[in-house]
């Protein structure tokens, strides 16, 4: 998946982006997602909503992209919301001990 494949709804007035994560978030796709999120951040986005309802697999590399964004937002008065986690996403967050740390919106 290339960076242009991440469906994103931007609200520039409120510095908010909703990014739809699709399929596998792994070693092959995570770098493109990281780059996409970094570009959004550089353009002023400070609130990120990651719709994870269609995530079918996530590995440690994919999870590290989400954790890095969470840290960046927390350090710079931003916000990260994990919206509608799929069963796979929900289970991975639980196993990683992040389910109660991240802002989860079902």
PDB file of N, CA and C in Angstrom:
ATOM      1  N   UNK A   1       0.851  -1.176   0.000  1.00  0.00           N
ATOM      2  CA  UNK A   1       0.000   0.000   0.000  1.00  0.00           C
ATOM      3  C   UNK A   1       0.894   1.235   0.000  1.00  0.00           C
ATOM      4  N   UNK A   2       0.611   2.169  -0.862  1.00  0.00           N
ATOM      5  CA  UNK A   2       1.375   3.410  -0.896  1.00  0.00           C
ATOM      6  C   UNK A   2       0.702   4.446  -0.014  1.00  0.00           C
ATOM      7  N   UNK A   3       1.416   5.531   0.241  1.00  0.00           N
ATOM      8  CA  UNK A   3       0.871   6.563   1.125  1.00  0.00           C
ATOM      9  C   UNK A   3      -0.423   7.152   0.595  1.00  0.00           C
ATOM     10  N   UNK A   4      -0.599   7.140  -0.708  1.00  0.00           N
ATOM     11  CA  UNK A   4      -1.822   7.686  -1.289  1.00  0.00           C
ATOM     12  C   UNK A   4      -3.003   6.747  -1.124  1.00  0.00           C
ATOM     13  N   UNK A   5      -2.743   5.505  -0.706  1.00  0.00           N
ATOM     14  CA  UNK A   5      -3.811   4.531  -0.540  1.00  0.00           C
ATOM     15  C   UNK A   5      -4.502   4.611   0.814  1.00  0.00           C
ATOM     16  N   UNK A   6      -3.989   5.400   1.742  1.00  0.00           N
ATOM     17  CA  UNK A   6      -4.612   5.513   3.058  1.00  0.00           C
ATOM     18  C   UNK A   6      -5.732   6.541   2.968  1.00  0.00           C
ATOM     19  N   UNK A   7      -6.976   6.102   2.870  1.00  0.00           N
ATOM     20  CA  UNK A   7      -8.083   7.060   2.788  1.00  0.00           C
ATOM     21  C   UNK A   7      -8.080   7.982   4.012  1.00  0.00           C
ATOM     22  N   UNK A   8      -8.093   9.281   3.735  1.00  0.00           N
ATOM     23  CA  UNK A   8      -7.976  10.272   4.798  1.00  0.00           C
ATOM     24  C   UNK A   8      -8.993  11.375   4.596  1.00  0.00           C
ATOM     25  N   UNK A   9      -9.712  11.669   5.667  1.00  0.00           N
ATOM     26  CA  UNK A   9     -10.656  12.781   5.676  1.00  0.00           C
ATOM     27  C   UNK A   9     -10.025  13.891   6.502  1.00  0.00           C
ATOM     28  N   UNK A  10      -9.724  15.016   5.857  1.00  0.00           N
ATOM     29  CA  UNK A  10      -9.058  16.130   6.531  1.00  0.00           C
ATOM     30  C   UNK A  10     -10.036  17.238   6.889  1.00  0.00           C
ATOM     31  N   UNK A  11      -9.885  17.755   8.099  1.00  0.00           N
ATOM     32  CA  UNK A  11     -10.592  18.949   8.532  1.00  0.00           C
ATOM     33  C   UNK A  11      -9.509  19.941   8.943  1.00  0.00           C
ATOM     34  N   UNK A  12      -9.029  20.711   7.961  1.00  0.00           N
ATOM     35  CA  UNK A  12      -7.908  21.625   8.212  1.00  0.00           C
ATOM     36  C   UNK A  12      -8.252  22.704   9.234  1.00  0.00           C
ATOM     37  N   UNK A  13      -9.496  23.139   9.248  1.00  0.00           N
ATOM     38  CA  UNK A  13      -9.900  24.187  10.187  1.00  0.00           C
ATOM     39  C   UNK A  13      -9.698  23.742  11.631  1.00  0.00           C
ATOM     40  N   UNK A  14      -9.982  22.486  11.897  1.00  0.00           N
ATOM     41  CA  UNK A  14      -9.842  21.961  13.255  1.00  0.00           C
ATOM     42  C   UNK A  14      -8.581  21.115  13.428  1.00  0.00           C
ATOM     43  N   UNK A  15      -7.688  21.130  12.439  1.00  0.00           N
ATOM     44  CA  UNK A  15      -6.414  20.393  12.489  1.00  0.00           C
ATOM     45  C   UNK A  15      -6.633  18.926  12.830  1.00  0.00           C
ATOM     46  N   UNK A  16      -7.615  18.318  12.153  1.00  0.00           N
ATOM     47  CA  UNK A  16      -8.033  16.946  12.446  1.00  0.00           C
ATOM     48  C   UNK A  16      -7.999  16.100  11.177  1.00  0.00           C
ATOM     49  N   UNK A  17      -7.531  14.858  11.334  1.00  0.00           N
ATOM     50  CA  UNK A  17      -7.528  13.922  10.211  1.00  0.00           C
ATOM     51  C   UNK A  17      -8.055  12.576  10.674  1.00  0.00           C
ATOM     52  N   UNK A  18      -8.946  12.009   9.886  1.00  0.00           N
ATOM     53  CA  UNK A  18      -9.415  10.648  10.118  1.00  0.00           C
ATOM     54  C   UNK A  18      -8.809   9.785   9.028  1.00  0.00           C
ATOM     55  N   UNK A  19      -8.035   8.780   9.446  1.00  0.00           N
ATOM     56  CA  UNK A  19      -7.336   7.909   8.504  1.00  0.00           C
ATOM     57  C   UNK A  19      -7.917   6.509   8.630  1.00  0.00           C
ATOM     58  N   UNK A  20      -8.363   5.969   7.514  1.00  0.00           N
ATOM     59  CA  UNK A  20      -8.921   4.616   7.465  1.00  0.00           C
ATOM     60  C   UNK A  20      -7.791   3.624   7.233  1.00  0.00           C
ATOM     61  N   UNK A  21      -7.535   2.761   8.210  1.00  0.00           N
ATOM     62  CA  UNK A  21      -6.515   1.732   8.064  1.00  0.00           C
ATOM     63  C   UNK A  21      -7.180   0.479   7.510  1.00  0.00           C
ATOM     64  N   UNK A  22      -6.579  -0.085   6.469  1.00  0.00           N
ATOM     65  CA  UNK A  22      -7.188  -1.212   5.757  1.00  0.00           C
ATOM     66  C   UNK A  22      -6.241  -2.388   5.677  1.00  0.00           C
ATOM     67  N   UNK A  23      -6.747  -3.585   5.922  1.00  0.00           N
ATOM     68  CA  UNK A  23      -5.967  -4.798   5.718  1.00  0.00           C
ATOM     69  C   UNK A  23      -4.864  -4.979   6.723  1.00  0.00           C
ATOM     70  N   UNK A  24      -3.694  -5.360   6.220  1.00  0.00           N
ATOM     71  CA  UNK A  24      -2.543  -5.645   7.070  1.00  0.00           C
ATOM     72  C   UNK A  24      -1.751  -4.380   7.362  1.00  0.00           C
ATOM     73  N   UNK A  25      -1.368  -4.246   8.607  1.00  0.00           N
ATOM     74  CA  UNK A  25      -0.479  -3.166   9.026  1.00  0.00           C
ATOM     75  C   UNK A  25       0.769  -3.858   9.564  1.00  0.00           C
ATOM     76  N   UNK A  26       1.767  -3.981   8.682  1.00  0.00           N
ATOM     77  CA  UNK A  26       2.928  -4.798   9.002  1.00  0.00           C
ATOM     78  C   UNK A  26       4.204  -4.178   8.449  1.00  0.00           C
ATOM     79  N   UNK A  27       5.252  -4.962   8.440  1.00  0.00           N
ATOM     80  CA  UNK A  27       6.562  -4.504   7.979  1.00  0.00           C
ATOM     81  C   UNK A  27       6.495  -3.889   6.583  1.00  0.00           C
ATOM     82  N   UNK A  28       5.642  -4.416   5.730  1.00  0.00           N
ATOM     83  CA  UNK A  28       5.547  -3.923   4.351  1.00  0.00           C
ATOM     84  C   UNK A  28       4.771  -2.614   4.239  1.00  0.00           C
ATOM     85  N   UNK A  29       3.736  -2.433   5.062  1.00  0.00           N
ATOM     86  CA  UNK A  29       2.863  -1.267   4.914  1.00  0.00           C
ATOM     87  C   UNK A  29       3.099  -0.166   5.944  1.00  0.00           C
ATOM     88  N   UNK A  30       3.654  -0.511   7.090  1.00  0.00           N
ATOM     89  CA  UNK A  30       3.823   0.460   8.173  1.00  0.00           C
ATOM     90  C   UNK A  30       4.678   1.669   7.794  1.00  0.00           C
ATOM     91  N   UNK A  31       5.775   1.483   7.061  1.00  0.00           N
ATOM     92  CA  UNK A  31       6.567   2.676   6.696  1.00  0.00           C
ATOM     93  C   UNK A  31       5.763   3.701   5.872  1.00  0.00           C
ATOM     94  N   UNK A  32       4.923   3.218   4.979  1.00  0.00           N
ATOM     95  CA  UNK A  32       4.096   4.143   4.189  1.00  0.00           C
ATOM     96  C   UNK A  32       3.084   4.860   5.064  1.00  0.00           C
ATOM     97  N   UNK A  33       2.514   4.143   6.023  1.00  0.00           N
ATOM     98  CA  UNK A  33       1.586   4.791   6.948  1.00  0.00           C
ATOM     99  C   UNK A  33       2.313   5.830   7.782  1.00  0.00           C
ATOM    100  N   UNK A  34       3.482   5.476   8.302  1.00  0.00           N
ATOM    101  CA  UNK A  34       4.276   6.419   9.099  1.00  0.00           C
ATOM    102  C   UNK A  34       4.558   7.700   8.302  1.00  0.00           C
ATOM    103  N   UNK A  35       4.951   7.541   7.041  1.00  0.00           N
ATOM    104  CA  UNK A  35       5.233   8.700   6.190  1.00  0.00           C
ATOM    105  C   UNK A  35       3.985   9.541   5.963  1.00  0.00           C
ATOM    106  N   UNK A  36       2.864   8.879   5.745  1.00  0.00           N
ATOM    107  CA  UNK A  36       1.596   9.582   5.522  1.00  0.00           C
ATOM    108  C   UNK A  36       1.217  10.390   6.766  1.00  0.00           C
ATOM    109  N   UNK A  37       1.311   9.774   7.931  1.00  0.00           N
ATOM    110  CA  UNK A  37       0.971  10.465   9.177  1.00  0.00           C
ATOM    111  C   UNK A  37       1.930  11.616   9.450  1.00  0.00           C
ATOM    112  N   UNK A  38       3.202  11.426   9.136  1.00  0.00           N
ATOM    113  CA  UNK A  38       4.192  12.493   9.317  1.00  0.00           C
ATOM    114  C   UNK A  38       3.901  13.687   8.423  1.00  0.00           C
ATOM    115  N   UNK A  39       3.490  13.426   7.189  1.00  0.00           N
ATOM    116  CA  UNK A  39       3.127  14.530   6.283  1.00  0.00           C
ATOM    117  C   UNK A  39       1.914  15.292   6.812  1.00  0.00           C
ATOM    118  N   UNK A  40       0.928  14.564   7.320  1.00  0.00           N
ATOM    119  CA  UNK A  40      -0.250  15.219   7.892  1.00  0.00           C
ATOM    120  C   UNK A  40       0.153  16.084   9.081  1.00  0.00           C
ATOM    121  N   UNK A  41       1.025  15.557   9.909  1.00  0.00           N
ATOM    122  CA  UNK A  41       1.489  16.299  11.081  1.00  0.00           C
ATOM    123  C   UNK A  41       2.241  17.563  10.654  1.00  0.00           C
ATOM    124  N   UNK A  42       3.089  17.426   9.666  1.00  0.00           N
ATOM    125  CA  UNK A  42       3.855  18.570   9.161  1.00  0.00           C
ATOM    126  C   UNK A  42       2.944  19.659   8.591  1.00  0.00           C
ATOM    127  N   UNK A  43       1.779  19.271   8.102  1.00  0.00           N
ATOM    128  CA  UNK A  43       0.813  20.239   7.551  1.00  0.00           C
ATOM    129  C   UNK A  43      -0.107  20.821   8.614  1.00  0.00           C
ATOM    130  N   UNK A  44       0.117  20.454   9.889  1.00  0.00           N
ATOM    131  CA  UNK A  44      -0.647  21.074  10.969  1.00  0.00           C
ATOM    132  C   UNK A  44      -1.672  20.196  11.647  1.00  0.00           C
ATOM    133  N   UNK A  45      -1.830  18.970  11.218  1.00  0.00           N
ATOM    134  CA  UNK A  45      -2.784  18.083  11.871  1.00  0.00           C
ATOM    135  C   UNK A  45      -2.283  17.770  13.272  1.00  0.00           C
ATOM    136  N   UNK A  46      -3.178  17.911  14.255  1.00  0.00           N
ATOM    137  CA  UNK A  46      -2.810  17.610  15.638  1.00  0.00           C
ATOM    138  C   UNK A  46      -3.763  16.606  16.290  1.00  0.00           C
ATOM    139  N   UNK A  47      -4.899  16.368  15.675  1.00  0.00           N
ATOM    140  CA  UNK A  47      -5.825  15.347  16.159  1.00  0.00           C
ATOM    141  C   UNK A  47      -5.940  14.288  15.080  1.00  0.00           C
ATOM    142  N   UNK A  48      -5.600  13.066  15.452  1.00  0.00           N
ATOM    143  CA  UNK A  48      -5.634  11.941  14.527  1.00  0.00           C
ATOM    144  C   UNK A  48      -6.659  10.929  15.014  1.00  0.00           C
ATOM    145  N   UNK A  49      -7.545  10.548  14.127  1.00  0.00           N
ATOM    146  CA  UNK A  49      -8.488   9.463  14.388  1.00  0.00           C
ATOM    147  C   UNK A  49      -8.117   8.351  13.423  1.00  0.00           C
ATOM    148  N   UNK A  50      -7.686   7.221  13.976  1.00  0.00           N
ATOM    149  CA  UNK A  50      -7.335   6.075  13.143  1.00  0.00           C
ATOM    150  C   UNK A  50      -8.486   5.087  13.207  1.00  0.00           C
ATOM    151  N   UNK A  51      -9.214   4.986  12.098  1.00  0.00           N
ATOM    152  CA  UNK A  51     -10.320   4.036  12.011  1.00  0.00           C
ATOM    153  C   UNK A  51      -9.719   2.673  11.708  1.00  0.00           C
ATOM    154  N   UNK A  52      -9.748   1.794  12.688  1.00  0.00           N
ATOM    155  CA  UNK A  52      -9.094   0.489  12.564  1.00  0.00           C
ATOM    156  C   UNK A  52     -10.095  -0.651  12.397  1.00  0.00           C
ATOM    157  N   UNK A  53     -11.303  -0.321  12.000  1.00  0.00           N
ATOM    158  CA  UNK A  53     -12.351  -1.343  11.873  1.00  0.00           C
ATOM    159  C   UNK A  53     -12.047  -2.379  10.798  1.00  0.00           C
ATOM    160  N   UNK A  54     -11.190  -2.044   9.843  1.00  0.00           N
ATOM    161  CA  UNK A  54     -10.870  -2.973   8.761  1.00  0.00           C
ATOM    162  C   UNK A  54      -9.429  -3.476   8.803  1.00  0.00           C
ATOM    163  N   UNK A  55      -8.799  -3.412   9.967  1.00  0.00           N
ATOM    164  CA  UNK A  55      -7.456  -3.966  10.124  1.00  0.00           C
ATOM    165  C   UNK A  55      -7.587  -5.476  10.322  1.00  0.00           C
ATOM    166  N   UNK A  56      -6.950  -6.232   9.429  1.00  0.00           N
ATOM    167  CA  UNK A  56      -7.046  -7.695   9.509  1.00  0.00           C
ATOM    168  C   UNK A  56      -5.818  -8.322  10.154  1.00  0.00           C
ATOM    169  N   UNK A  57      -4.721  -7.573  10.234  1.00  0.00           N
ATOM    170  CA  UNK A  57      -3.490  -8.062  10.856  1.00  0.00           C
ATOM    171  C   UNK A  57      -2.644  -6.861  11.230  1.00  0.00           C
ATOM    172  N   UNK A  58      -1.992  -6.941  12.391  1.00  0.00           N
ATOM    173  CA  UNK A  58      -1.049  -5.902  12.784  1.00  0.00           C
ATOM    174  C   UNK A  58       0.107  -6.570  13.511  1.00  0.00           C
ATOM    175  N   UNK A  59       1.323  -6.226  13.107  1.00  0.00           N
ATOM    176  CA  UNK A  59       2.503  -6.767  13.776  1.00  0.00           C
ATOM    177  C   UNK A  59       3.154  -5.674  14.613  1.00  0.00           C
ATOM    178  N   UNK A  60       4.304  -5.992  15.185  1.00  0.00           N
ATOM    179  CA  UNK A  60       4.972  -5.037  16.075  1.00  0.00           C
ATOM    180  C   UNK A  60       5.412  -3.771  15.348  1.00  0.00           C
ATOM    181  N   UNK A  61       5.734  -3.879  14.073  1.00  0.00           N
ATOM    182  CA  UNK A  61       6.147  -2.703  13.310  1.00  0.00           C
ATOM    183  C   UNK A  61       4.948  -1.773  13.119  1.00  0.00           C
ATOM    184  N   UNK A  62       3.809  -2.333  12.782  1.00  0.00           N
ATOM    185  CA  UNK A  62       2.594  -1.534  12.650  1.00  0.00           C
ATOM    186  C   UNK A  62       2.202  -0.889  13.963  1.00  0.00           C
ATOM    187  N   UNK A  63       2.305  -1.655  15.030  1.00  0.00           N
ATOM    188  CA  UNK A  63       1.983  -1.135  16.347  1.00  0.00           C
ATOM    189  C   UNK A  63       2.940  -0.014  16.746  1.00  0.00           C
ATOM    190  N   UNK A  64       4.192  -0.136  16.353  1.00  0.00           N
ATOM    191  CA  UNK A  64       5.175   0.901  16.704  1.00  0.00           C
ATOM    192  C   UNK A  64       4.853   2.236  16.030  1.00  0.00           C
ATOM    193  N   UNK A  65       4.276   2.208  14.842  1.00  0.00           N
ATOM    194  CA  UNK A  65       3.870   3.446  14.160  1.00  0.00           C
ATOM    195  C   UNK A  65       2.781   4.143  14.971  1.00  0.00           C
ATOM    196  N   UNK A  66       1.834   3.370  15.466  1.00  0.00           N
ATOM    197  CA  UNK A  66       0.738   3.932  16.259  1.00  0.00           C
ATOM    198  C   UNK A  66       1.268   4.485  17.585  1.00  0.00           C
ATOM    199  N   UNK A  67       2.142   3.745  18.236  1.00  0.00           N
ATOM    200  CA  UNK A  67       2.700   4.195  19.519  1.00  0.00           C
ATOM    201  C   UNK A  67       3.538   5.463  19.322  1.00  0.00           C
ATOM    202  N   UNK A  68       4.318   5.525  18.253  1.00  0.00           N
ATOM    203  CA  UNK A  68       5.118   6.722  17.986  1.00  0.00           C
ATOM    204  C   UNK A  68       4.226   7.938  17.760  1.00  0.00           C
ATOM    205  N   UNK A  69       3.136   7.759  17.029  1.00  0.00           N
ATOM    206  CA  UNK A  69       2.195   8.871  16.811  1.00  0.00           C
ATOM    207  C   UNK A  69       1.552   9.281  18.128  1.00  0.00           C
ATOM    208  N   UNK A  70       1.177   8.311  18.931  1.00  0.00           N
ATOM    209  CA  UNK A  70       0.590   8.600  20.245  1.00  0.00           C
ATOM    210  C   UNK A  70       1.547   9.451  21.089  1.00  0.00           C
ATOM    211  N   UNK A  71       2.803   9.056  21.143  1.00  0.00           N
ATOM    212  CA  UNK A  71       3.795   9.800  21.928  1.00  0.00           C
ATOM    213  C   UNK A  71       3.977  11.216  21.399  1.00  0.00           C
ATOM    214  N   UNK A  72       4.056  11.329  20.102  1.00  0.00           N
ATOM    215  CA  UNK A  72       4.238  12.651  19.488  1.00  0.00           C
ATOM    216  C   UNK A  72       3.053  13.559  19.802  1.00  0.00           C
ATOM    217  N   UNK A  73       1.858  13.021  19.665  1.00  0.00           N
ATOM    218  CA  UNK A  73       0.664  13.818  19.961  1.00  0.00           C
ATOM    219  C   UNK A  73       0.617  14.209  21.434  1.00  0.00           C
ATOM    220  N   UNK A  74       0.933  13.273  22.300  1.00  0.00           N
ATOM    221  CA  UNK A  74       0.885  13.543  23.737  1.00  0.00           C
ATOM    222  C   UNK A  74       1.897  14.611  24.133  1.00  0.00           C
ATOM    223  N   UNK A  75       3.085  14.571  23.542  1.00  0.00           N
ATOM    224  CA  UNK A  75       4.136  15.528  23.872  1.00  0.00           C
ATOM    225  C   UNK A  75       3.865  16.922  23.318  1.00  0.00           C
ATOM    226  N   UNK A  76       3.052  17.003  22.268  1.00  0.00           N
ATOM    227  CA  UNK A  76       2.851  18.286  21.602  1.00  0.00           C
ATOM    228  C   UNK A  76       1.381  18.717  21.588  1.00  0.00           C
ATOM    229  N   UNK A  77       0.663  18.362  22.661  1.00  0.00           N
ATOM    230  CA  UNK A  77      -0.733  18.779  22.846  1.00  0.00           C
ATOM    231  C   UNK A  77      -1.658  18.350  21.718  1.00  0.00           C
ATOM    232  N   UNK A  78      -1.408  17.198  21.155  1.00  0.00           N
ATOM    233  CA  UNK A  78      -2.296  16.638  20.148  1.00  0.00           C
ATOM    234  C   UNK A  78      -3.119  15.523  20.748  1.00  0.00           C
ATOM    235  N   UNK A  79      -3.816  14.813  19.885  1.00  0.00           N
ATOM    236  CA  UNK A  79      -4.662  13.718  20.354  1.00  0.00           C
ATOM    237  C   UNK A  79      -4.679  12.607  19.321  1.00  0.00           C
ATOM    238  N   UNK A  80      -4.667  11.379  19.806  1.00  0.00           N
ATOM    239  CA  UNK A  80      -4.809  10.206  18.958  1.00  0.00           C
ATOM    240  C   UNK A  80      -5.979   9.392  19.472  1.00  0.00           C
ATOM    241  N   UNK A  81      -6.892   9.061  18.559  1.00  0.00           N
ATOM    242  CA  UNK A  81      -8.051   8.235  18.890  1.00  0.00           C
ATOM    243  C   UNK A  81      -8.014   7.003  17.999  1.00  0.00           C
ATOM    244  N   UNK A  82      -8.150   5.828  18.596  1.00  0.00           N
ATOM    245  CA  UNK A  82      -8.289   4.580  17.846  1.00  0.00           C
ATOM    246  C   UNK A  82      -9.782   4.305  17.762  1.00  0.00           C
ATOM    247  N   UNK A  83     -10.323   4.430  16.558  1.00  0.00           N
ATOM    248  CA  UNK A  83     -11.766   4.313  16.354  1.00  0.00           C
ATOM    249  C   UNK A  83     -12.133   2.912  15.865  1.00  0.00           C
ATOM    250  N   UNK A  84     -13.169   2.360  16.454  1.00  0.00           N
ATOM    251  CA  UNK A  84     -13.772   1.094  16.014  1.00  0.00           C
ATOM    252  C   UNK A  84     -12.749  -0.010  15.770  1.00  0.00           C
ATOM    253  N   UNK A  85     -11.979  -0.383  16.788  1.00  0.00           N
ATOM    254  CA  UNK A  85     -10.967  -1.413  16.544  1.00  0.00           C
ATOM    255  C   UNK A  85     -11.582  -2.741  16.119  1.00  0.00           C
ATOM    256  N   UNK A  86     -10.978  -3.340  15.097  1.00  0.00           N
ATOM    257  CA  UNK A  86     -11.393  -4.683  14.684  1.00  0.00           C
ATOM    258  C   UNK A  86     -11.039  -5.644  15.814  1.00  0.00           C
ATOM    259  N   UNK A  87     -11.513  -6.869  15.721  1.00  0.00           N
ATOM    260  CA  UNK A  87     -11.194  -7.865  16.755  1.00  0.00           C
ATOM    261  C   UNK A  87      -9.679  -8.070  16.847  1.00  0.00           C
ATOM    262  N   UNK A  88      -9.031  -8.134  15.683  1.00  0.00           N
ATOM    263  CA  UNK A  88      -7.582  -8.313  15.643  1.00  0.00           C
ATOM    264  C   UNK A  88      -6.884  -7.128  16.308  1.00  0.00           C
ATOM    265  N   UNK A  89      -7.317  -5.943  15.966  1.00  0.00           N
ATOM    266  CA  UNK A  89      -6.712  -4.733  16.527  1.00  0.00           C
ATOM    267  C   UNK A  89      -6.937  -4.673  18.034  1.00  0.00           C
ATOM    268  N   UNK A  90      -8.149  -4.942  18.448  1.00  0.00           N
ATOM    269  CA  UNK A  90      -8.492  -4.916  19.864  1.00  0.00           C
ATOM    270  C   UNK A  90      -7.646  -5.920  20.649  1.00  0.00           C
ATOM    271  N   UNK A  91      -7.526  -7.115  20.140  1.00  0.00           N
ATOM    272  CA  UNK A  91      -6.740  -8.158  20.813  1.00  0.00           C
ATOM    273  C   UNK A  91      -5.260  -7.778  20.887  1.00  0.00           C
ATOM    274  N   UNK A  92      -4.727  -7.234  19.808  1.00  0.00           N
ATOM    275  CA  UNK A  92      -3.319  -6.824  19.791  1.00  0.00           C
ATOM    276  C   UNK A  92      -3.063  -5.726  20.809  1.00  0.00           C
ATOM    277  N   UNK A  93      -3.958  -4.762  20.886  1.00  0.00           N
ATOM    278  CA  UNK A  93      -3.806  -3.686  21.870  1.00  0.00           C
ATOM    279  C   UNK A  93      -3.880  -4.224  23.293  1.00  0.00           C
ATOM    280  N   UNK A  94      -4.759  -5.194  23.528  1.00  0.00           N
ATOM    281  CA  UNK A  94      -4.869  -5.805  24.854  1.00  0.00           C
ATOM    282  C   UNK A  94      -3.592  -6.545  25.220  1.00  0.00           C
ATOM    283  N   UNK A  95      -3.089  -7.380  24.308  1.00  0.00           N
ATOM    284  CA  UNK A  95      -1.875  -8.161  24.567  1.00  0.00           C
ATOM    285  C   UNK A  95      -0.677  -7.245  24.795  1.00  0.00           C
ATOM    286  N   UNK A  96      -0.613  -6.144  24.063  1.00  0.00           N
ATOM    287  CA  UNK A  96       0.500  -5.198  24.185  1.00  0.00           C
ATOM    288  C   UNK A  96       0.373  -4.291  25.408  1.00  0.00           C
ATOM    289  N   UNK A  97      -0.759  -4.382  26.106  1.00  0.00           N
ATOM    290  CA  UNK A  97      -0.966  -3.536  27.277  1.00  0.00           C
ATOM    291  C   UNK A  97      -1.306  -2.101  26.939  1.00  0.00           C
ATOM    292  N   UNK A  98      -1.807  -1.890  25.735  1.00  0.00           N
ATOM    293  CA  UNK A  98      -2.100  -0.527  25.279  1.00  0.00           C
ATOM    294  C   UNK A  98      -3.586  -0.185  25.264  1.00  0.00           C
ATOM    295  N   UNK A  99      -4.436  -1.173  25.477  1.00  0.00           N
ATOM    296  CA  UNK A  99      -5.869  -0.924  25.364  1.00  0.00           C
ATOM    297  C   UNK A  99      -6.336   0.141  26.374  1.00  0.00           C
ATOM    298  N   UNK A 100      -5.780   0.109  27.572  1.00  0.00           N
ATOM    299  CA  UNK A 100      -6.171   1.093  28.595  1.00  0.00           C
ATOM    300  C   UNK A 100      -5.314   2.353  28.555  1.00  0.00           C
ATOM    301  N   UNK A 101      -4.302   2.382  27.703  1.00  0.00           N
ATOM    302  CA  UNK A 101      -3.422   3.547  27.585  1.00  0.00           C
ATOM    303  C   UNK A 101      -3.923   4.479  26.473  1.00  0.00           C
ATOM    304  N   UNK A 102      -4.241   3.891  25.330  1.00  0.00           N
ATOM    305  CA  UNK A 102      -4.698   4.675  24.178  1.00  0.00           C
ATOM    306  C   UNK A 102      -6.159   5.057  24.325  1.00  0.00           C
ATOM    307  N   UNK A 103      -6.539   6.085  23.629  1.00  0.00           N
ATOM    308  CA  UNK A 103      -7.939   6.536  23.616  1.00  0.00           C
ATOM    309  C   UNK A 103      -8.679   5.698  22.572  1.00  0.00           C
ATOM    310  N   UNK A 104      -9.519   4.770  23.048  1.00  0.00           N
ATOM    311  CA  UNK A 104     -10.257   3.864  22.173  1.00  0.00           C
ATOM    312  C   UNK A 104     -11.709   4.341  22.108  1.00  0.00           C
ATOM    313  N   UNK A 105     -12.204   4.526  20.889  1.00  0.00           N
ATOM    314  CA  UNK A 105     -13.598   4.930  20.685  1.00  0.00           C
ATOM    315  C   UNK A 105     -14.297   3.834  19.888  1.00  0.00           C
ATOM    316  N   UNK A 106     -15.157   3.106  20.557  1.00  0.00           N
ATOM    317  CA  UNK A 106     -15.895   2.044  19.872  1.00  0.00           C
ATOM    318  C   UNK A 106     -17.028   2.667  19.145  1.00  0.00           C
TER     319      UNK A 106
END
